C-alpha atoms as a PDB file:
ATOM      1  CA  MET A   1      42.174 -44.765  79.804  1.00  0.00           C
ATOM      2  CA  LYS A   2      41.221 -41.099  80.050  1.00  0.00           C
ATOM      3  CA  ILE A   3      39.613 -39.643  76.932  1.00  0.00           C
ATOM      4  CA  GLY A   4      39.781 -35.952  76.110  1.00  0.00           C
ATOM      5  CA  VAL A   5      38.467 -33.843  73.253  1.00  0.00           C
ATOM      6  CA  SER A   6      40.342 -31.002  71.558  1.00  0.00           C
ATOM      7  CA  VAL A   7      38.313 -28.307  69.828  1.00  0.00           C
ATOM      8  CA  PRO A   8      39.597 -25.408  67.685  1.00  0.00           C
ATOM      9  CA  LEU A   9      36.968 -22.795  68.504  1.00  0.00           C
ATOM     10  CA  THR A  10      36.092 -19.811  66.317  1.00  0.00           C
ATOM     11  CA  ALA A  11      33.128 -17.447  66.145  1.00  0.00           C
ATOM     12  CA  GLN A  12      31.287 -20.169  64.197  1.00  0.00           C
ATOM     13  CA  SER A  13      31.670 -22.870  66.867  1.00  0.00           C
ATOM     14  CA  GLY A  14      29.138 -21.719  69.452  1.00  0.00           C
ATOM     15  CA  ASN A  15      29.522 -21.000  73.152  1.00  0.00           C
ATOM     16  CA  PRO A  16      32.562 -22.716  74.725  1.00  0.00           C
ATOM     17  CA  GLY A  17      30.623 -23.305  77.941  1.00  0.00           C
ATOM     18  CA  GLU A  18      27.906 -25.218  76.113  1.00  0.00           C
ATOM     19  CA  ILE A  19      30.469 -27.272  74.201  1.00  0.00           C
ATOM     20  CA  ALA A  20      32.417 -28.151  77.349  1.00  0.00           C
ATOM     21  CA  ALA A  21      29.202 -29.009  79.190  1.00  0.00           C
ATOM     22  CA  GLU A  22      28.258 -31.420  76.399  1.00  0.00           C
ATOM     23  CA  ALA A  23      31.719 -33.006  76.542  1.00  0.00           C
ATOM     24  CA  GLU A  24      31.356 -33.455  80.300  1.00  0.00           C
ATOM     25  CA  LYS A  25      27.873 -34.946  79.878  1.00  0.00           C
ATOM     26  CA  LEU A  26      29.203 -37.449  77.331  1.00  0.00           C
ATOM     27  CA  GLY A  27      31.894 -38.615  79.742  1.00  0.00           C
ATOM     28  CA  PHE A  28      35.006 -36.980  78.348  1.00  0.00           C
ATOM     29  CA  GLU A  29      37.686 -36.574  81.005  1.00  0.00           C
ATOM     30  CA  SER A  30      39.196 -33.386  79.584  1.00  0.00           C
ATOM     31  CA  PHE A  31      38.411 -30.474  77.267  1.00  0.00           C
ATOM     32  CA  TRP A  32      41.298 -28.901  75.319  1.00  0.00           C
ATOM     33  CA  MET A  33      41.675 -25.559  73.576  1.00  0.00           C
ATOM     34  CA  VAL A  34      44.173 -24.743  70.817  1.00  0.00           C
ATOM     35  CA  GLU A  35      45.913 -21.415  70.281  1.00  0.00           C
ATOM     36  CA  HIS A  36      47.269 -19.135  67.600  1.00  0.00           C
ATOM     37  CA  MET A  37      47.309 -15.396  68.195  1.00  0.00           C
ATOM     38  CA  ALA A  38      47.613 -14.048  64.653  1.00  0.00           C
ATOM     39  CA  VAL A  39      48.724 -15.093  61.175  1.00  0.00           C
ATOM     40  CA  PRO A  40      50.993 -12.623  59.362  1.00  0.00           C
ATOM     41  CA  VAL A  41      49.788 -11.929  55.830  1.00  0.00           C
ATOM     42  CA  THR A  42      53.309 -12.465  54.479  1.00  0.00           C
ATOM     43  CA  TYR A  43      55.492 -15.341  55.692  1.00  0.00           C
ATOM     44  CA  LYS A  44      58.112 -17.812  54.484  1.00  0.00           C
ATOM     45  CA  THR A  45      57.313 -20.687  56.870  1.00  0.00           C
ATOM     46  CA  VAL A  46      56.058 -23.790  55.040  1.00  0.00           C
ATOM     47  CA  TYR A  47      53.186 -25.571  56.765  1.00  0.00           C
ATOM     48  CA  PRO A  48      53.837 -29.299  56.182  1.00  0.00           C
ATOM     49  CA  ARG A  49      50.274 -30.493  56.677  1.00  0.00           C
ATOM     50  CA  SER A  50      48.722 -28.547  53.792  1.00  0.00           C
ATOM     51  CA  SER A  51      49.170 -29.374  50.104  1.00  0.00           C
ATOM     52  CA  ASP A  52      50.234 -25.835  49.208  1.00  0.00           C
ATOM     53  CA  GLY A  53      52.369 -25.200  52.290  1.00  0.00           C
ATOM     54  CA  LYS A  54      50.130 -22.383  53.463  1.00  0.00           C
ATOM     55  CA  VAL A  55      49.065 -21.913  57.073  1.00  0.00           C
ATOM     56  CA  PRO A  56      45.345 -22.740  57.397  1.00  0.00           C
ATOM     57  CA  ASP A  57      43.113 -19.667  57.422  1.00  0.00           C
ATOM     58  CA  MET A  58      41.378 -21.072  60.501  1.00  0.00           C
ATOM     59  CA  TYR A  59      44.453 -20.320  62.623  1.00  0.00           C
ATOM     60  CA  ALA A  60      43.746 -16.595  62.340  1.00  0.00           C
ATOM     61  CA  LYS A  61      40.179 -17.114  63.576  1.00  0.00           C
ATOM     62  CA  LEU A  62      40.790 -19.014  66.825  1.00  0.00           C
ATOM     63  CA  VAL A  63      39.318 -17.479  69.960  1.00  0.00           C
ATOM     64  CA  ASP A  64      41.440 -16.773  73.021  1.00  0.00           C
ATOM     65  CA  PRO A  65      41.840 -20.149  74.775  1.00  0.00           C
ATOM     66  CA  PHE A  66      41.860 -18.749  78.305  1.00  0.00           C
ATOM     67  CA  ILE A  67      38.641 -16.774  77.870  1.00  0.00           C
ATOM     68  CA  ALA A  68      37.068 -19.915  76.393  1.00  0.00           C
ATOM     69  CA  LEU A  69      38.302 -22.029  79.314  1.00  0.00           C
ATOM     70  CA  ALA A  70      36.898 -19.495  81.789  1.00  0.00           C
ATOM     71  CA  LEU A  71      33.474 -19.924  80.172  1.00  0.00           C
ATOM     72  CA  ALA A  72      33.951 -23.700  80.208  1.00  0.00           C
ATOM     73  CA  ALA A  73      34.846 -23.620  83.906  1.00  0.00           C
ATOM     74  CA  GLN A  74      31.627 -21.748  84.691  1.00  0.00           C
ATOM     75  CA  ALA A  75      29.501 -24.281  82.790  1.00  0.00           C
ATOM     76  CA  THR A  76      31.060 -27.498  84.127  1.00  0.00           C
ATOM     77  CA  SER A  77      32.008 -29.118  87.424  1.00  0.00           C
ATOM     78  CA  ARG A  78      34.157 -32.225  86.739  1.00  0.00           C
ATOM     79  CA  ILE A  79      35.865 -32.159  83.366  1.00  0.00           C
ATOM     80  CA  MET A  80      39.530 -31.112  83.293  1.00  0.00           C
ATOM     81  CA  LEU A  81      40.245 -27.976  81.276  1.00  0.00           C
ATOM     82  CA  GLY A  82      43.421 -27.763  79.220  1.00  0.00           C
ATOM     83  CA  THR A  83      45.352 -25.796  76.649  1.00  0.00           C
ATOM     84  CA  GLY A  84      46.534 -28.048  73.899  1.00  0.00           C
ATOM     85  CA  ILE A  85      48.618 -26.089  73.476  1.00  0.00           C
ATOM     86  CA  CYS A  86      49.436 -22.603  74.740  1.00  0.00           C
ATOM     87  CA  LEU A  87      52.367 -20.994  72.906  1.00  0.00           C
ATOM     88  CA  LEU A  88      53.846 -19.844  76.180  1.00  0.00           C
ATOM     89  CA  PRO A  89      56.821 -17.775  74.939  1.00  0.00           C
ATOM     90  CA  GLN A  90      54.374 -15.542  73.071  1.00  0.00           C
ATOM     91  CA  HIS A  91      52.809 -14.406  76.365  1.00  0.00           C
ATOM     92  CA  ASN A  92      53.918 -12.121  79.166  1.00  0.00           C
ATOM     93  CA  VAL A  93      54.728 -14.695  81.837  1.00  0.00           C
ATOM     94  CA  ILE A  94      53.555 -12.547  84.763  1.00  0.00           C
ATOM     95  CA  GLU A  95      50.198 -12.072  83.067  1.00  0.00           C
ATOM     96  CA  MET A  96      50.053 -15.818  82.411  1.00  0.00           C
ATOM     97  CA  ALA A  97      50.626 -16.557  86.103  1.00  0.00           C
ATOM     98  CA  LYS A  98      47.651 -14.378  86.966  1.00  0.00           C
ATOM     99  CA  VAL A  99      45.386 -15.767  84.226  1.00  0.00           C
ATOM    100  CA  THR A 100      46.133 -19.436  84.867  1.00  0.00           C
ATOM    101  CA  ALA A 101      45.858 -19.153  88.641  1.00  0.00           C
ATOM    102  CA  SER A 102      42.513 -17.365  88.269  1.00  0.00           C
ATOM    103  CA  ILE A 103      41.098 -20.090  86.017  1.00  0.00           C
ATOM    104  CA  ASP A 104      42.387 -22.769  88.378  1.00  0.00           C
ATOM    105  CA  LEU A 105      40.730 -20.936  91.271  1.00  0.00           C
ATOM    106  CA  TYR A 106      37.342 -20.588  89.620  1.00  0.00           C
ATOM    107  CA  SER A 107      37.385 -24.135  88.211  1.00  0.00           C
ATOM    108  CA  LYS A 108      38.306 -25.490  91.654  1.00  0.00           C
ATOM    109  CA  GLY A 109      41.604 -26.949  90.495  1.00  0.00           C
ATOM    110  CA  ARG A 110      40.787 -28.291  87.032  1.00  0.00           C
ATOM    111  CA  LEU A 111      43.295 -26.496  84.808  1.00  0.00           C
ATOM    112  CA  ILE A 112      46.015 -28.353  82.858  1.00  0.00           C
ATOM    113  CA  LEU A 113      48.514 -26.102  81.117  1.00  0.00           C
ATOM    114  CA  GLY A 114      49.702 -27.676  77.900  1.00  0.00           C
ATOM    115  CA  VAL A 115      52.563 -25.637  76.444  1.00  0.00           C
ATOM    116  CA  GLY A 116      54.816 -25.488  73.437  1.00  0.00           C
ATOM    117  CA  ALA A 117      57.369 -23.180  71.842  1.00  0.00           C
ATOM    118  CA  GLY A 118      55.710 -22.967  68.423  1.00  0.00           C
ATOM    119  CA  TRP A 119      56.769 -23.726  64.846  1.00  0.00           C
ATOM    120  CA  PHE A 120      55.627 -20.535  63.097  1.00  0.00           C
ATOM    121  CA  ALA A 121      58.622 -18.186  63.054  1.00  0.00           C
ATOM    122  CA  GLU A 122      56.795 -15.132  61.755  1.00  0.00           C
ATOM    123  CA  GLU A 123      54.046 -15.416  64.380  1.00  0.00           C
ATOM    124  CA  ALA A 124      56.633 -15.743  67.135  1.00  0.00           C
ATOM    125  CA  GLU A 125      58.619 -12.746  65.907  1.00  0.00           C
ATOM    126  CA  LEU A 126      55.424 -10.706  65.606  1.00  0.00           C
ATOM    127  CA  LEU A 127      54.945 -11.238  69.347  1.00  0.00           C
ATOM    128  CA  GLY A 128      58.505 -10.390  70.328  1.00  0.00           C
ATOM    129  CA  VAL A 129      59.956 -13.901  70.567  1.00  0.00           C
ATOM    130  CA  ASP A 130      63.498 -14.679  69.449  1.00  0.00           C
ATOM    131  CA  PHE A 131      62.571 -17.759  67.439  1.00  0.00           C
ATOM    132  CA  LYS A 132      66.015 -19.338  67.706  1.00  0.00           C
ATOM    133  CA  ARG A 133      65.824 -19.179  71.507  1.00  0.00           C
ATOM    134  CA  ARG A 134      62.146 -20.062  71.854  1.00  0.00           C
ATOM    135  CA  TRP A 135      62.781 -23.358  73.677  1.00  0.00           C
ATOM    136  CA  GLN A 136      64.944 -21.667  76.277  1.00  0.00           C
ATOM    137  CA  HIS A 137      62.250 -18.994  76.560  1.00  0.00           C
ATOM    138  CA  LEU A 138      59.679 -21.727  77.148  1.00  0.00           C
ATOM    139  CA  ARG A 139      61.706 -23.468  79.864  1.00  0.00           C
ATOM    140  CA  GLU A 140      62.377 -20.216  81.705  1.00  0.00           C
ATOM    141  CA  SER A 141      58.687 -19.299  81.482  1.00  0.00           C
ATOM    142  CA  VAL A 142      57.679 -22.676  82.960  1.00  0.00           C
ATOM    143  CA  GLU A 143      60.135 -22.245  85.824  1.00  0.00           C
ATOM    144  CA  ALA A 144      58.973 -18.682  86.446  1.00  0.00           C
ATOM    145  CA  LEU A 145      55.311 -19.722  86.504  1.00  0.00           C
ATOM    146  CA  ARG A 146      55.975 -22.310  89.199  1.00  0.00           C
ATOM    147  CA  VAL A 147      57.717 -19.701  91.330  1.00  0.00           C
ATOM    148  CA  MET A 148      54.838 -17.229  90.968  1.00  0.00           C
ATOM    149  CA  TRP A 149      52.241 -19.892  91.683  1.00  0.00           C
ATOM    150  CA  THR A 150      53.861 -20.848  95.007  1.00  0.00           C
ATOM    151  CA  ALA A 151      56.055 -18.098  96.496  1.00  0.00           C
ATOM    152  CA  ASP A 152      54.769 -15.211  98.596  1.00  0.00           C
ATOM    153  CA  GLU A 153      57.503 -13.084  97.090  1.00  0.00           C
ATOM    154  CA  ALA A 154      58.405 -14.399  93.649  1.00  0.00           C
ATOM    155  CA  SER A 155      61.377 -13.478  91.497  1.00  0.00           C
ATOM    156  CA  TYR A 156      63.151 -15.023  88.531  1.00  0.00           C
ATOM    157  CA  ASN A 157      66.459 -14.196  86.901  1.00  0.00           C
ATOM    158  CA  GLY A 158      66.890 -16.096  83.640  1.00  0.00           C
ATOM    159  CA  GLU A 159      68.613 -15.014  80.466  1.00  0.00           C
ATOM    160  CA  ILE A 160      65.293 -14.157  78.782  1.00  0.00           C
ATOM    161  CA  VAL A 161      62.673 -14.121  81.550  1.00  0.00           C
ATOM    162  CA  LYS A 162      63.541 -11.967  84.535  1.00  0.00           C
ATOM    163  CA  PHE A 163      61.688  -9.905  87.112  1.00  0.00           C
ATOM    164  CA  PRO A 164      62.401  -8.609  90.636  1.00  0.00           C
ATOM    165  CA  PRO A 165      60.561  -9.865  93.756  1.00  0.00           C
ATOM    166  CA  ILE A 166      56.815  -9.418  93.303  1.00  0.00           C
ATOM    167  CA  ARG A 167      53.646 -10.354  95.108  1.00  0.00           C
ATOM    168  CA  ILE A 168      51.086 -11.939  92.841  1.00  0.00           C
ATOM    169  CA  GLU A 169      47.788 -13.628  93.671  1.00  0.00           C
ATOM    170  CA  PRO A 170      45.535 -15.517  93.547  1.00  0.00           C
ATOM    171  CA  LYS A 171      47.457 -18.735  93.971  1.00  0.00           C
ATOM    172  CA  PRO A 172      46.173 -21.825  92.147  1.00  0.00           C
ATOM    173  CA  VAL A 173      43.959 -24.292  93.981  1.00  0.00           C
ATOM    174  CA  GLN A 174      46.185 -27.173  92.886  1.00  0.00           C
ATOM    175  CA  LYS A 175      49.159 -27.553  95.189  1.00  0.00           C
ATOM    176  CA  GLY A 176      52.218 -26.331  93.342  1.00  0.00           C
ATOM    177  CA  GLY A 177      50.040 -25.098  90.491  1.00  0.00           C
ATOM    178  CA  PRO A 178      48.441 -26.749  87.464  1.00  0.00           C
ATOM    179  CA  ARG A 179      50.274 -29.593  85.787  1.00  0.00           C
ATOM    180  CA  ILE A 180      52.400 -28.331  82.886  1.00  0.00           C
ATOM    181  CA  ILE A 181      52.604 -30.754  79.978  1.00  0.00           C
ATOM    182  CA  LEU A 182      54.764 -30.386  76.904  1.00  0.00           C
ATOM    183  CA  GLY A 183      53.188 -30.787  73.474  1.00  0.00           C
ATOM    184  CA  ALA A 184      56.441 -31.156  71.515  1.00  0.00           C
ATOM    185  CA  HIS A 185      56.383 -33.818  68.795  1.00  0.00           C
ATOM    186  CA  ASP A 186      60.012 -34.465  67.820  1.00  0.00           C
ATOM    187  CA  PRO A 187      61.387 -37.235  70.083  1.00  0.00           C
ATOM    188  CA  LYS A 188      64.937 -36.166  69.221  1.00  0.00           C
ATOM    189  CA  TYR A 189      64.556 -33.122  71.460  1.00  0.00           C
ATOM    190  CA  ALA A 190      61.261 -33.547  73.312  1.00  0.00           C
ATOM    191  CA  LEU A 191      62.314 -36.410  75.569  1.00  0.00           C
ATOM    192  CA  LYS A 192      65.008 -34.439  77.392  1.00  0.00           C
ATOM    193  CA  ARG A 193      62.762 -31.404  77.700  1.00  0.00           C
ATOM    194  CA  VAL A 194      59.912 -33.397  79.208  1.00  0.00           C
ATOM    195  CA  ALA A 195      62.261 -35.180  81.597  1.00  0.00           C
ATOM    196  CA  ARG A 196      63.891 -31.935  82.699  1.00  0.00           C
ATOM    197  CA  TYR A 197      60.943 -29.656  83.469  1.00  0.00           C
ATOM    198  CA  ALA A 198      57.502 -30.917  82.402  1.00  0.00           C
ATOM    199  CA  ASP A 199      54.814 -32.775  84.338  1.00  0.00           C
ATOM    200  CA  GLY A 200      53.797 -34.691  81.251  1.00  0.00           C
ATOM    201  CA  TRP A 201      54.134 -35.203  77.523  1.00  0.00           C
ATOM    202  CA  MET A 202      51.312 -34.889  75.000  1.00  0.00           C
ATOM    203  CA  PRO A 203      52.592 -35.205  71.408  1.00  0.00           C
ATOM    204  CA  GLY A 204      50.340 -35.468  68.390  1.00  0.00           C
ATOM    205  CA  GLY A 205      50.000 -38.741  66.512  1.00  0.00           C
ATOM    206  CA  LEU A 206      52.478 -40.773  68.563  1.00  0.00           C
ATOM    207  CA  SER A 207      52.012 -44.472  67.790  1.00  0.00           C
ATOM    208  CA  PRO A 208      51.829 -47.178  70.497  1.00  0.00           C
ATOM    209  CA  ALA A 209      55.146 -48.561  69.243  1.00  0.00           C
ATOM    210  CA  LYS A 210      56.830 -45.163  69.508  1.00  0.00           C
ATOM    211  CA  ALA A 211      55.295 -44.650  72.942  1.00  0.00           C
ATOM    212  CA  ARG A 212      56.838 -47.960  74.097  1.00  0.00           C
ATOM    213  CA  GLU A 213      60.203 -46.668  72.903  1.00  0.00           C
ATOM    214  CA  CYS A 214      60.007 -43.082  74.213  1.00  0.00           C
ATOM    215  CA  ILE A 215      58.302 -43.370  77.588  1.00  0.00           C
ATOM    216  CA  PRO A 216      60.976 -45.542  79.265  1.00  0.00           C
ATOM    217  CA  GLU A 217      63.644 -43.164  77.929  1.00  0.00           C
ATOM    218  CA  ILE A 218      61.859 -40.136  79.428  1.00  0.00           C
ATOM    219  CA  ARG A 219      61.576 -41.927  82.760  1.00  0.00           C
ATOM    220  CA  LYS A 220      65.285 -42.786  82.696  1.00  0.00           C
ATOM    221  CA  LEU A 221      66.213 -39.187  81.867  1.00  0.00           C
ATOM    222  CA  ALA A 222      63.916 -37.897  84.613  1.00  0.00           C
ATOM    223  CA  ARG A 223      65.803 -39.986  87.160  1.00  0.00           C
ATOM    224  CA  ASP A 224      69.061 -38.541  85.807  1.00  0.00           C
ATOM    225  CA  TYR A 225      67.664 -35.052  86.449  1.00  0.00           C
ATOM    226  CA  GLY A 226      66.758 -36.048  90.001  1.00  0.00           C
ATOM    227  CA  ARG A 227      63.013 -36.098  89.317  1.00  0.00           C
ATOM    228  CA  ASN A 228      60.379 -38.709  90.110  1.00  0.00           C
ATOM    229  CA  PRO A 229      59.649 -40.480  86.805  1.00  0.00           C
ATOM    230  CA  ASP A 230      56.369 -41.874  88.108  1.00  0.00           C
ATOM    231  CA  ALA A 231      55.027 -38.327  88.487  1.00  0.00           C
ATOM    232  CA  ILE A 232      55.191 -37.705  84.725  1.00  0.00           C
ATOM    233  CA  GLU A 233      51.945 -38.368  82.833  1.00  0.00           C
ATOM    234  CA  PHE A 234      51.839 -39.460  79.204  1.00  0.00           C
ATOM    235  CA  SER A 235      49.075 -38.484  76.802  1.00  0.00           C
ATOM    236  CA  VAL A 236      48.638 -38.420  73.012  1.00  0.00           C
ATOM    237  CA  PHE A 237      46.610 -36.171  70.708  1.00  0.00           C
ATOM    238  CA  LEU A 238      44.950 -38.148  67.902  1.00  0.00           C
ATOM    239  CA  ALA A 239      42.829 -37.447  64.854  1.00  0.00           C
ATOM    240  CA  GLN A 240      40.000 -39.909  64.252  1.00  0.00           C
ATOM    241  CA  ALA A 241      39.967 -41.164  60.659  1.00  0.00           C
ATOM    242  CA  ARG A 242      36.913 -43.444  60.989  1.00  0.00           C
ATOM    243  CA  PRO A 243      34.101 -43.760  63.566  1.00  0.00           C
ATOM    244  CA  ASP A 244      35.433 -47.140  64.735  1.00  0.00           C
ATOM    245  CA  GLU A 245      38.966 -45.826  65.365  1.00  0.00           C
ATOM    246  CA  PRO A 246      40.930 -46.301  67.440  1.00  0.00           C
ATOM    247  CA  SER A 247      40.032 -49.922  68.071  1.00  0.00           C
ATOM    248  CA  LEU A 248      39.835 -51.359  71.553  1.00  0.00           C
ATOM    249  CA  ASP A 249      43.052 -53.270  70.890  1.00  0.00           C
ATOM    250  CA  THR A 250      44.851 -50.053  69.910  1.00  0.00           C
ATOM    251  CA  MET A 251      43.688 -48.332  73.083  1.00  0.00           C
ATOM    252  CA  LYS A 252      45.014 -51.250  75.112  1.00  0.00           C
ATOM    253  CA  GLU A 253      48.349 -50.968  73.291  1.00  0.00           C
ATOM    254  CA  TYR A 254      48.590 -47.309  74.298  1.00  0.00           C
ATOM    255  CA  ARG A 255      47.663 -48.204  77.882  1.00  0.00           C
ATOM    256  CA  ASP A 256      50.252 -50.971  78.054  1.00  0.00           C
ATOM    257  CA  ALA A 257      52.893 -48.573  76.680  1.00  0.00           C
ATOM    258  CA  GLY A 258      52.283 -46.200  79.584  1.00  0.00           C
ATOM    259  CA  VAL A 259      49.872 -43.720  77.976  1.00  0.00           C
ATOM    260  CA  SER A 260      47.059 -42.763  80.345  1.00  0.00           C
ATOM    261  CA  ARG A 261      45.167 -40.239  78.181  1.00  0.00           C
ATOM    262  CA  LEU A 262      44.119 -39.991  74.540  1.00  0.00           C
ATOM    263  CA  ALA A 263      42.695 -36.653  73.377  1.00  0.00           C
ATOM    264  CA  PHE A 264      40.804 -36.603  70.090  1.00  0.00           C
ATOM    265  CA  MET A 265      40.639 -33.628  67.781  1.00  0.00           C
ATOM    266  CA  ALA A 266      37.375 -32.273  66.418  1.00  0.00           C
ATOM    267  CA  PRO A 267      38.726 -29.981  63.660  1.00  0.00           C
ATOM    268  CA  ALA A 268      35.363 -29.335  62.026  1.00  0.00           C
ATOM    269  CA  ALA A 269      34.279 -27.511  65.203  1.00  0.00           C
ATOM    270  CA  ALA A 270      36.090 -24.489  63.773  1.00  0.00           C
ATOM    271  CA  TYR A 271      33.434 -24.172  61.075  1.00  0.00           C
ATOM    272  CA  ARG A 272      30.229 -25.447  62.621  1.00  0.00           C
ATOM    273  CA  SER A 273      28.551 -26.383  65.907  1.00  0.00           C
ATOM    274  CA  GLY A 274      31.138 -27.526  68.435  1.00  0.00           C
ATOM    275  CA  VAL A 275      28.430 -29.350  70.379  1.00  0.00           C
ATOM    276  CA  GLU A 276      27.550 -31.477  67.352  1.00  0.00           C
ATOM    277  CA  GLU A 277      31.198 -32.219  66.553  1.00  0.00           C
ATOM    278  CA  VAL A 278      31.891 -33.349  70.120  1.00  0.00           C
ATOM    279  CA  ARG A 279      28.864 -35.637  69.982  1.00  0.00           C
ATOM    280  CA  LYS A 280      30.358 -37.392  66.944  1.00  0.00           C
ATOM    281  CA  LEU A 281      33.240 -38.591  69.140  1.00  0.00           C
ATOM    282  CA  ALA A 282      31.085 -39.986  71.940  1.00  0.00           C
ATOM    283  CA  SER A 283      31.584 -43.638  70.911  1.00  0.00           C
ATOM    284  CA  ILE A 284      35.285 -43.367  71.756  1.00  0.00           C
ATOM    285  CA  VAL A 285      34.446 -42.785  75.407  1.00  0.00           C
ATOM    286  CA  GLU A 286      32.358 -45.952  75.474  1.00  0.00           C
ATOM    287  CA  ARG A 287      35.173 -48.026  73.924  1.00  0.00           C
ATOM    288  CA  ALA A 288      37.746 -46.592  76.287  1.00  0.00           C
ATOM    289  CA  GLU A 289      35.833 -47.885  79.315  1.00  0.00           C
ATOM    290  CA  LYS A 290      36.570 -51.409  78.097  1.00  0.00           C
ATOM    291  CA  ALA A 291      40.290 -50.670  77.782  1.00  0.00           C
ATOM    292  CA  SER A 292      40.656 -49.563  81.393  1.00  0.00           C
END
């Protein structure tokens, strides 16, 4: 079982390179950055995870994930570096092709691009996204990235994303480009999306029982789309409620369901030393070795 750590970094967290280096030293397989660009002062969206429905103030304070991952790449040599997640429709896709390929180059092929379409309508609209078409925008962006990562002369002609033939380098170190994993949570829609165009699925809080139900369905759908189901990787983001969670038995349940990576969130890293918060999760790595 691979164990990752997800850190929401702000100006209070410390240097991302130092935090990633500590995660690598402790044996974490991957280091994940979260993203929100800006929080409008006025909005109608209700945030379901807060008691008052308000978007957490921390979301406005997050550092740019790609700058943080560039610093992490410089300070480490083995740990995988991921966005968990990048709100891809909110970015210029040509710029994203350049940024992601550059990080993959300098990290020697260690970038994982976790993507999502977003839930915050006002943030999306602020950045020029048609919120009702955000999932189509995401799919077209994923397809366009893969073209730019591989073709000498790349072009794409979707309904939302479109550009004429261009030359764009550097190319990623990873053949075909970094793996693109979908962070969508709702199985009603996520399964088809993963099966159609993603290299993996990484929902938050998915239980072992739900994983046993969803993973075979994604693999079946992938075959229907003419894709290799065995090439799709399954991961889960989790919050740790107690130091002894998840138990060894729970990790084995995830493994037996087809999940190969668990990434644990360190939310307090937004307000204090990220190095110290990552250290608090070190015991999970030790337990995971027994579940392999």
